[in-house]
Amino acid sequence: MSEETFDVIIVGAGVLGVATAYHIQKNNPSKKILLVERNLAAGQANTAMSAAAVRNMFASSTNQVLTDTSIKYFEHVQNELGHDLLFEKTGYLWLLSKQQFEHESVQVWMQRMEKSGISYKVYNKEELKEMIPSLDVDFKNDEAAELMNLHEISYGLFGKDCGVLDPTRLVEYYFDAFKEITHIKPKFGVNVEKLLLEADPKLDLPGEPYVWQNKRITGVVTNKGTYRADTVVIATGAWTNELLDPVGIDSKTKAKKRQMFVIHAEDNPKLLEFLETKGFNEMGCIPFTILPSAGVYFRPQLQEKGFWVGCGDKFGRKYEYIQTDEMMIPESAYYENSVYPVLSEYISAFEGARPVNSWAGGYCYSPDSIPFVYKECGVLVVNGASGSGIMKADALGRIADALYRGESEAELYGGKMVSTTMLTIKQRNVEVESVVI
């Protein structure tokens, strides 16, 4: 097997991996940086399986700054650099019951958004009904709604600066920008089997490293050979534990399955009319919408004239310590028995709607729903985005680069400065995120 040496090896070419690769290479032009991915192209795993929605409407100031600066950069890329990411400001619409809206957590959420300058608007029940005629806001004498524990809709919390984009185009932007400045050809179809753990310094003793030796990660062992580097970046999301566990690093993350179902509206006049709901955005479409109950949500897909429908189910959906093959298989019965009944109760236009396509993937969750970026023993880990990696990718890539360079602060897009240690494990300084889909 061959053996090559680099300055930095980045494992994983999803959106976090390519954004990190770009920012590190851009600010360290003389460094030899190798990007390694087991798939045959960038962004083919969980990045491609996401809802690809972006929002700055978070309750924690940490997630607010990570997303707001990233979204502004995506706008810059599309509007000023001319790379069409299909970024559309459809807005985000949280539909809430009276009890939900008046809950302390939602009131604190709105207060923190106001303090951070995050734009939002509150719609009442009457306004929502007028704007969205097919929306069922009242469930009086509705036995099915009562059986399913569905909340009546009293308010809508709307964020105009949120929206959707094409995840493939975003990955292509970062990957192409990285390729333009890198000296090293990325390696695809290469599976990293383990991290290379060695004594520091090596004494060439049989069986080292021993417990009394200093040790660090010095590279990766793959199915195509061994690659060495001073720093190994792990941006593998839900597969991170597979690499970190054998060397004794606890990533503090675990995975949960998420699914997406595609509904076409072109041949359904009622559904098409619902898709083309006016008044929320410049596109003249219904926003990305989160229903009050069961975690069901949907996003408009204007290019396909339809919707992507998903569900952020929590209690009852198992965690996986390492992402399994089963997590990549969508469940048709899940839509029929769990998602569709809720969707059609709230929105009559969805009655009879069935998926034409579906897919599944894994969210990599952290305990506080805030990402991790930390460096330990030769490894720089970027993970735990909790299903919002796309909307935080640019900020996380910049923080990872600053941490790699040994800086105490990272400059995010627009000039916002943040500590490079705030997302670490040992010096973590964040608020717990309560607004997780």
Protein backbone atom coordinates (compact mmCIF):
# COMPACT_ATOMS: atom_id res chain seq x y z
CA MET A 1 0.00 0.00 0.00
CA SER A 2 1.18 3.54 -0.79
CA GLU A 3 2.01 6.16 1.84
CA GLU A 4 1.80 9.92 1.29
CA THR A 5 2.31 12.94 3.55
CA PHE A 6 0.30 16.17 3.72
CA ASP A 7 -0.11 19.12 6.06
CA VAL A 8 -3.85 18.60 6.57
CA ILE A 9 -6.18 15.72 5.77
CA ILE A 10 -9.91 16.46 5.74
CA VAL A 11 -12.11 13.37 6.05
CA GLY A 12 -15.60 13.87 4.66
CA ALA A 13 -16.72 15.91 1.65
CA GLY A 14 -20.18 16.88 2.82
CA VAL A 15 -21.00 20.55 3.19
CA LEU A 16 -19.05 20.90 6.46
CA GLY A 17 -16.02 19.15 4.98
CA VAL A 18 -15.84 21.18 1.77
CA ALA A 19 -16.53 24.50 3.54
CA THR A 20 -13.76 23.73 6.04
CA ALA A 21 -11.39 22.63 3.27
CA TYR A 22 -12.00 25.86 1.37
CA HIS A 23 -11.47 28.18 4.32
CA ILE A 24 -8.35 26.40 5.60
CA GLN A 25 -6.77 26.31 2.13
CA LYS A 26 -7.70 29.93 1.42
CA ASN A 27 -5.97 31.18 4.57
CA ASN A 28 -3.08 28.71 4.40
CA PRO A 29 -2.21 28.74 0.67
CA SER A 30 1.15 27.02 1.06
CA LYS A 31 -0.28 24.03 2.94
CA LYS A 32 -0.82 20.66 1.26
CA ILE A 33 -4.44 19.79 2.05
CA LEU A 34 -5.98 16.45 1.07
CA LEU A 35 -9.76 15.98 0.96
CA VAL A 36 -10.80 12.33 1.35
CA GLU A 37 -14.33 11.00 0.70
CA ARG A 38 -15.61 7.43 0.49
CA ASN A 39 -18.38 8.35 -1.95
CA LEU A 40 -17.57 9.04 -5.59
CA ALA A 41 -18.35 12.77 -5.42
CA ALA A 42 -18.74 15.55 -2.87
CA GLY A 43 -22.00 16.03 -0.98
CA GLN A 44 -23.57 12.66 -1.78
CA ALA A 45 -24.32 11.47 1.75
CA ASN A 46 -26.42 13.23 4.40
CA THR A 47 -25.93 16.69 2.89
CA ALA A 48 -27.85 15.53 -0.18
CA MET A 49 -30.54 13.94 1.97
CA SER A 50 -31.40 17.07 3.93
CA ALA A 51 -34.36 19.41 3.55
CA ALA A 52 -31.75 22.04 2.55
CA ALA A 53 -33.56 24.79 4.41
CA VAL A 54 -31.76 27.70 6.05
CA ARG A 55 -32.91 29.84 8.95
CA ASN A 56 -31.50 32.30 11.45
CA MET A 57 -34.52 31.87 13.75
CA PHE A 58 -32.88 30.09 16.66
CA ALA A 59 -33.28 30.63 20.38
CA SER A 60 -29.58 30.52 21.25
CA SER A 61 -27.38 33.47 20.38
CA THR A 62 -24.70 30.99 19.27
CA ASN A 63 -26.86 29.38 16.61
CA GLN A 64 -28.19 32.80 15.62
CA VAL A 65 -24.72 34.11 14.77
CA LEU A 66 -23.61 30.87 13.09
CA THR A 67 -26.65 30.84 10.81
CA ASP A 68 -27.15 34.56 10.22
CA THR A 69 -23.57 35.08 9.03
CA SER A 70 -23.67 31.91 6.90
CA ILE A 71 -26.96 32.92 5.26
CA LYS A 72 -25.59 36.37 4.48
CA TYR A 73 -22.56 34.72 2.88
CA PHE A 74 -24.81 32.50 0.75
CA GLU A 75 -26.61 35.64 -0.42
CA HIS A 76 -23.23 37.15 -1.28
CA VAL A 77 -22.23 34.06 -3.23
CA GLN A 78 -25.46 34.08 -5.23
CA ASN A 79 -26.07 37.79 -5.73
CA GLU A 80 -22.54 39.19 -5.95
CA LEU A 81 -20.32 36.28 -6.97
CA GLY A 82 -22.88 34.97 -9.45
CA HIS A 83 -23.13 31.34 -8.28
CA ASP A 84 -26.81 30.36 -8.36
CA LEU A 85 -27.47 28.30 -5.24
CA LEU A 86 -31.22 28.36 -5.89
CA PHE A 87 -31.37 30.23 -2.59
CA GLU A 88 -34.95 31.44 -2.25
CA LYS A 89 -36.16 33.49 0.71
CA THR A 90 -39.44 31.66 1.08
CA GLY A 91 -39.42 32.42 4.80
CA TYR A 92 -40.06 30.08 7.72
CA LEU A 93 -43.53 29.86 9.25
CA TRP A 94 -44.00 28.23 12.66
CA LEU A 95 -47.69 27.51 13.26
CA LEU A 96 -48.41 27.52 17.00
CA SER A 97 -51.28 26.92 19.37
CA LYS A 98 -52.16 29.58 21.94
CA GLN A 99 -50.52 27.52 24.67
CA GLN A 100 -47.36 27.03 22.63
CA PHE A 101 -47.11 30.70 21.69
CA GLU A 102 -47.55 31.88 25.28
CA HIS A 103 -45.05 29.36 26.66
CA GLU A 104 -42.00 30.90 28.28
CA SER A 105 -39.62 29.20 25.83
CA VAL A 106 -41.28 30.85 22.80
CA GLN A 107 -41.41 34.25 24.51
CA VAL A 108 -37.69 33.97 25.38
CA TRP A 109 -37.00 32.87 21.80
CA MET A 110 -38.65 36.02 20.42
CA GLN A 111 -36.88 38.25 22.95
CA ARG A 112 -33.49 36.82 22.00
CA MET A 113 -34.22 37.27 18.29
CA GLU A 114 -35.14 40.91 18.90
CA LYS A 115 -31.92 41.43 20.86
CA SER A 116 -29.87 39.88 18.03
CA GLY A 117 -31.66 41.79 15.29
CA ILE A 118 -33.26 38.66 13.81
CA SER A 119 -36.37 39.70 11.87
CA TYR A 120 -39.70 38.01 12.61
CA LYS A 121 -43.42 38.75 12.42
CA VAL A 122 -46.38 37.34 14.36
CA TYR A 123 -49.62 36.47 12.53
CA ASN A 124 -52.85 35.80 14.41
CA LYS A 125 -55.41 33.13 13.58
CA GLU A 126 -57.62 35.40 11.47
CA GLU A 127 -54.71 36.63 9.37
CA LEU A 128 -53.49 33.10 8.75
CA LYS A 129 -56.93 31.87 7.71
CA GLU A 130 -57.30 34.75 5.29
CA MET A 131 -53.88 34.20 3.73
CA ILE A 132 -54.10 30.38 3.65
CA PRO A 133 -57.74 29.35 3.01
CA SER A 134 -57.02 25.61 3.04
CA LEU A 135 -55.40 25.82 6.49
CA ASP A 136 -57.58 24.29 9.21
CA VAL A 137 -57.06 26.41 12.33
CA ASP A 138 -59.99 25.04 14.37
CA PHE A 139 -60.69 21.43 15.32
CA LYS A 140 -64.06 21.76 17.05
CA ASN A 141 -65.89 18.42 17.09
CA ASP A 142 -63.09 16.87 15.01
CA GLU A 143 -62.68 13.40 16.51
CA ALA A 144 -59.68 12.52 14.33
CA ALA A 145 -57.80 15.65 15.43
CA GLU A 146 -58.60 14.91 19.06
CA LEU A 147 -57.47 11.30 18.67
CA MET A 148 -54.16 12.45 17.17
CA ASN A 149 -53.58 15.09 19.89
CA LEU A 150 -53.44 17.90 17.33
CA HIS A 151 -53.22 21.48 18.57
CA GLU A 152 -55.44 24.16 17.09
CA ILE A 153 -53.57 26.96 15.31
CA SER A 154 -53.72 30.38 16.97
CA TYR A 155 -50.52 32.08 15.81
CA GLY A 156 -47.88 32.02 13.12
CA LEU A 157 -44.28 33.06 13.78
CA PHE A 158 -42.71 34.09 10.47
CA GLY A 159 -39.08 34.79 9.56
CA LYS A 160 -38.64 36.55 6.24
CA ASP A 161 -34.86 36.09 5.97
CA CYS A 162 -35.09 32.29 6.07
CA GLY A 163 -35.55 30.04 3.06
CA VAL A 164 -34.38 27.08 1.01
CA LEU A 165 -31.53 26.32 -1.35
CA ASP A 166 -30.04 23.51 -3.43
CA PRO A 167 -27.56 21.52 -1.29
CA THR A 168 -25.76 20.12 -4.33
CA ARG A 169 -25.07 23.60 -5.69
CA LEU A 170 -23.81 24.82 -2.32
CA VAL A 171 -21.40 21.89 -2.06
CA GLU A 172 -20.29 22.45 -5.66
CA TYR A 173 -19.54 26.10 -4.90
CA TYR A 174 -17.24 25.31 -1.97
CA PHE A 175 -15.67 22.31 -3.68
CA ASP A 176 -14.94 24.21 -6.91
CA ALA A 177 -13.53 27.15 -4.93
CA PHE A 178 -11.31 24.73 -2.99
CA LYS A 179 -10.10 23.03 -6.17
CA GLU A 180 -9.09 26.38 -7.66
CA ILE A 181 -6.61 27.04 -4.86
CA THR A 182 -5.50 23.58 -3.72
CA HIS A 183 -2.31 21.90 -4.85
CA ILE A 184 -3.62 18.41 -4.13
CA LYS A 185 -6.17 16.39 -6.05
CA PRO A 186 -9.01 15.20 -3.74
CA LYS A 187 -9.43 11.45 -3.33
CA PHE A 188 -12.92 10.02 -3.87
CA GLY A 189 -13.99 6.40 -3.43
CA VAL A 190 -11.47 6.12 -0.60
CA ASN A 191 -12.71 4.73 2.72
CA VAL A 192 -10.93 5.84 5.88
CA GLU A 193 -10.75 2.65 7.96
CA LYS A 194 -9.12 4.14 11.04
CA LEU A 195 -7.13 7.04 12.42
CA LEU A 196 -3.40 6.51 12.72
CA LEU A 197 -2.45 6.74 16.40
CA GLU A 198 1.29 6.92 17.12
CA ALA A 199 3.71 7.78 19.90
CA ASP A 200 5.05 11.33 19.94
CA PRO A 201 7.97 11.06 19.61
CA LYS A 202 8.19 7.57 18.14
CA LEU A 203 10.73 5.31 19.83
CA ASP A 204 10.17 2.45 17.38
CA LEU A 205 9.37 0.07 20.22
CA PRO A 206 7.24 -2.98 19.38
CA GLY A 207 3.61 -2.40 20.35
CA GLU A 208 3.89 1.35 20.97
CA PRO A 209 2.30 3.69 21.87
CA TYR A 210 2.29 2.73 25.54
CA VAL A 211 0.33 4.54 28.24
CA TRP A 212 3.45 6.35 29.45
CA GLN A 213 4.12 7.83 26.01
CA ASN A 214 2.70 11.00 24.57
CA LYS A 215 0.60 10.20 21.53
CA ARG A 216 -1.30 11.90 18.74
CA ILE A 217 -3.15 11.23 15.51
CA THR A 218 -0.65 11.39 12.66
CA GLY A 219 -2.83 10.40 9.71
CA VAL A 220 -5.40 7.95 8.40
CA VAL A 221 -5.36 4.36 7.22
CA THR A 222 -7.56 3.81 4.16
CA ASN A 223 -8.43 1.04 1.73
CA LYS A 224 -6.04 2.71 -0.73
CA GLY A 225 -3.08 3.30 1.55
CA THR A 226 -1.86 5.35 4.51
CA TYR A 227 -1.91 9.14 4.43
CA ARG A 228 -0.04 11.17 7.05
CA ALA A 229 -0.59 14.75 8.18
CA ASP A 230 0.10 17.12 11.07
CA THR A 231 -3.66 17.69 11.42
CA VAL A 232 -6.59 15.41 10.54
CA VAL A 233 -9.97 17.12 10.23
CA ILE A 234 -12.98 14.90 10.91
CA ALA A 235 -16.13 16.20 9.17
CA THR A 236 -18.02 12.93 8.89
CA GLY A 237 -21.21 13.84 10.75
CA ALA A 238 -23.20 10.81 11.87
CA TRP A 239 -20.24 8.48 11.20
CA THR A 240 -17.83 10.39 13.48
CA ASN A 241 -17.91 7.90 16.36
CA GLU A 242 -16.75 5.17 14.00
CA LEU A 243 -13.39 6.95 13.74
CA LEU A 244 -13.03 8.61 17.14
CA ASP A 245 -14.10 5.76 19.44
CA PRO A 246 -11.16 3.44 18.63
CA VAL A 247 -8.65 6.14 19.64
CA GLY A 248 -10.50 7.05 22.84
CA ILE A 249 -12.04 10.40 21.88
CA ASP A 250 -15.66 10.91 22.89
CA SER A 251 -17.41 12.99 20.23
CA LYS A 252 -20.45 13.60 22.49
CA THR A 253 -22.74 13.06 19.48
CA LYS A 254 -25.13 10.44 18.15
CA ALA A 255 -27.37 10.05 15.12
CA LYS A 256 -31.08 9.90 14.46
CA LYS A 257 -32.88 8.96 11.25
CA ARG A 258 -34.74 11.62 9.30
CA GLN A 259 -36.85 11.14 6.15
CA MET A 260 -38.11 13.26 3.28
CA PHE A 261 -41.10 12.65 1.00
CA VAL A 262 -41.69 14.43 -2.33
CA ILE A 263 -45.24 15.51 -3.23
CA HIS A 264 -46.00 16.91 -6.68
CA ALA A 265 -48.73 19.55 -7.06
CA GLU A 266 -48.73 20.17 -10.81
CA ASP A 267 -51.73 17.92 -11.51
CA ASN A 268 -53.57 18.83 -8.32
CA PRO A 269 -55.28 22.26 -8.61
CA LYS A 270 -55.93 22.61 -4.87
CA LEU A 271 -52.38 21.70 -3.95
CA LEU A 272 -50.95 23.95 -6.66
CA GLU A 273 -53.06 26.83 -5.36
CA PHE A 274 -51.76 26.15 -1.86
CA LEU A 275 -48.16 26.09 -3.15
CA GLU A 276 -48.75 29.49 -4.77
CA THR A 277 -49.98 31.16 -1.57
CA LYS A 278 -49.29 34.89 -1.83
CA GLY A 279 -48.29 37.47 0.75
CA PHE A 280 -45.32 35.88 2.50
CA ASN A 281 -42.45 36.32 0.04
CA GLU A 282 -41.37 37.61 -3.36
CA MET A 283 -41.69 34.14 -4.92
CA GLY A 284 -45.43 34.12 -4.19
CA CYS A 285 -45.33 30.72 -2.49
CA ILE A 286 -46.13 29.15 0.84
CA PRO A 287 -43.14 29.38 3.25
CA PHE A 288 -41.23 26.49 4.78
CA THR A 289 -43.87 25.57 7.35
CA ILE A 290 -43.73 23.73 10.68
CA LEU A 291 -47.07 22.42 11.97
CA PRO A 292 -47.96 22.73 15.69
CA SER A 293 -48.09 18.98 16.34
CA ALA A 294 -46.07 15.79 15.78
CA GLY A 295 -43.06 17.55 14.28
CA VAL A 296 -44.43 17.52 10.71
CA TYR A 297 -43.09 20.17 8.35
CA PHE A 298 -42.88 20.87 4.62
CA ARG A 299 -40.92 23.08 2.27
CA PRO A 300 -41.99 24.43 -1.11
CA GLN A 301 -40.08 23.09 -4.12
CA LEU A 302 -40.81 25.58 -6.87
CA GLN A 303 -38.63 23.93 -9.53
CA GLU A 304 -40.62 20.69 -9.21
CA LYS A 305 -43.92 22.47 -8.47
CA GLY A 306 -44.39 20.56 -5.27
CA PHE A 307 -43.28 19.98 -1.70
CA TRP A 308 -40.74 18.12 0.36
CA VAL A 309 -42.42 16.80 3.51
CA GLY A 310 -40.60 15.64 6.63
CA CYS A 311 -41.01 15.07 10.34
CA GLY A 312 -38.75 15.88 13.27
CA ASP A 313 -40.06 13.08 15.45
CA LYS A 314 -38.28 12.86 18.79
CA PHE A 315 -39.51 10.54 21.57
CA GLY A 316 -40.06 7.13 19.98
CA ARG A 317 -37.45 7.50 17.23
CA LYS A 318 -34.29 5.72 18.38
CA TYR A 319 -30.80 7.17 18.41
CA GLU A 320 -28.00 5.34 16.67
CA TYR A 321 -24.48 5.65 18.02
CA ILE A 322 -23.08 5.13 14.54
CA GLN A 323 -25.14 5.70 11.40
CA THR A 324 -26.39 2.42 9.96
CA ASP A 325 -27.39 1.40 6.43
CA GLU A 326 -30.99 1.14 7.67
CA MET A 327 -31.02 4.88 8.32
CA MET A 328 -30.61 5.53 4.60
CA ILE A 329 -33.82 3.67 3.71
CA PRO A 330 -37.10 5.66 3.72
CA GLU A 331 -40.22 4.03 5.16
CA SER A 332 -43.33 4.33 2.99
CA ALA A 333 -45.56 3.27 5.90
CA TYR A 334 -44.13 6.12 7.95
CA TYR A 335 -45.62 8.66 5.56
CA GLU A 336 -48.94 6.84 5.25
CA ASN A 337 -49.54 6.18 8.93
CA SER A 338 -47.67 8.97 10.73
CA VAL A 339 -47.06 11.99 8.51
CA TYR A 340 -50.02 12.05 6.11
CA PRO A 341 -52.80 11.97 8.74
CA VAL A 342 -51.34 15.05 10.45
CA LEU A 343 -50.60 16.87 7.19
CA SER A 344 -54.08 16.36 5.74
CA GLU A 345 -55.85 17.31 8.97
CA TYR A 346 -54.18 20.70 9.08
CA ILE A 347 -54.20 21.39 5.32
CA SER A 348 -57.10 20.08 3.27
CA ALA A 349 -55.20 20.61 0.00
CA PHE A 350 -52.98 17.64 0.92
CA GLU A 351 -55.91 15.20 1.05
CA GLY A 352 -55.09 12.24 -1.17
CA ALA A 353 -51.52 13.42 -1.82
CA ARG A 354 -48.99 10.59 -2.12
CA PRO A 355 -45.18 10.71 -2.50
CA VAL A 356 -43.53 10.32 -5.90
CA ASN A 357 -40.09 10.00 -4.32
CA SER A 358 -38.48 9.68 -0.89
CA TRP A 359 -35.11 9.39 0.82
CA ALA A 360 -33.59 9.16 4.29
CA GLY A 361 -30.42 10.06 6.13
CA GLY A 362 -29.02 10.79 9.56
CA TYR A 363 -28.89 13.89 11.74
CA CYS A 364 -25.81 14.15 13.95
CA TYR A 365 -27.10 15.51 17.28
CA SER A 366 -25.12 17.16 20.06
CA PRO A 367 -26.47 17.28 23.64
CA ASP A 368 -27.22 21.03 23.48
CA SER A 369 -28.04 21.15 19.73
CA ILE A 370 -25.02 23.40 19.16
CA PRO A 371 -22.20 22.20 16.86
CA PHE A 372 -18.75 21.12 18.01
CA VAL A 373 -15.48 22.47 16.63
CA TYR A 374 -12.48 21.36 18.68
CA LYS A 375 -8.88 20.24 18.32
CA GLU A 376 -7.36 17.40 20.32
CA CYS A 377 -4.17 15.34 19.86
CA GLY A 378 -3.78 16.08 16.16
CA VAL A 379 -7.49 15.83 15.32
CA LEU A 380 -9.74 18.78 14.48
CA VAL A 381 -13.40 17.75 14.74
CA VAL A 382 -16.30 19.60 13.06
CA ASN A 383 -19.61 17.89 13.82
CA GLY A 384 -22.81 17.79 15.88
CA ALA A 385 -24.72 20.23 13.67
CA SER A 386 -28.03 18.61 14.79
CA GLY A 387 -29.64 18.73 11.36
CA SER A 388 -28.63 22.30 10.57
CA GLY A 389 -25.18 21.81 9.07
CA ILE A 390 -26.00 23.46 5.76
CA MET A 391 -27.16 26.68 7.37
CA LYS A 392 -24.09 26.87 9.64
CA ALA A 393 -21.48 25.55 7.19
CA ASP A 394 -19.74 28.79 6.33
CA ALA A 395 -19.36 29.92 9.95
CA LEU A 396 -18.14 26.50 11.08
CA GLY A 397 -15.59 26.37 8.28
CA ARG A 398 -14.22 29.76 9.31
CA ILE A 399 -14.05 28.77 12.99
CA ALA A 400 -12.27 25.51 12.11
CA ASP A 401 -9.72 27.42 10.04
CA ALA A 402 -9.03 29.94 12.82
CA LEU A 403 -8.67 27.12 15.35
CA TYR A 404 -6.25 25.34 13.00
CA ARG A 405 -4.16 28.50 12.75
CA GLY A 406 -4.08 28.86 16.53
CA GLU A 407 -6.14 32.04 16.63
CA SER A 408 -8.18 32.97 19.71
CA GLU A 409 -10.96 34.49 17.57
CA ALA A 410 -12.54 33.72 14.21
CA GLU A 411 -13.91 36.35 11.88
CA LEU A 412 -17.25 35.30 10.42
CA TYR A 413 -18.74 36.78 7.26
CA GLY A 414 -19.61 40.43 7.76
CA GLY A 415 -16.86 40.99 10.33
CA LYS A 416 -18.48 39.34 13.36
CA MET A 417 -15.78 38.03 15.74
CA VAL A 418 -16.34 34.91 17.85
CA SER A 419 -14.13 32.89 20.17
CA THR A 420 -12.53 29.81 18.61
CA THR A 421 -13.05 27.91 21.87
CA MET A 422 -16.78 28.53 22.30
CA LEU A 423 -17.71 25.37 20.35
CA THR A 424 -15.08 23.13 21.94
CA ILE A 425 -15.85 20.45 24.51
CA LYS A 426 -13.56 21.60 27.33
CA GLN A 427 -14.05 25.39 27.06
CA ARG A 428 -17.58 25.35 25.69
CA ASN A 429 -19.50 28.62 26.10
CA VAL A 430 -22.94 28.30 24.50
CA GLU A 431 -26.65 28.36 25.34
CA VAL A 432 -28.79 25.23 24.97
CA GLU A 433 -30.83 25.43 21.77
CA SER A 434 -34.56 24.91 22.26
CA VAL A 435 -35.77 25.43 18.67
CA VAL A 436 -34.81 22.17 16.97
CA ILE A 437 -36.83 20.63 14.14
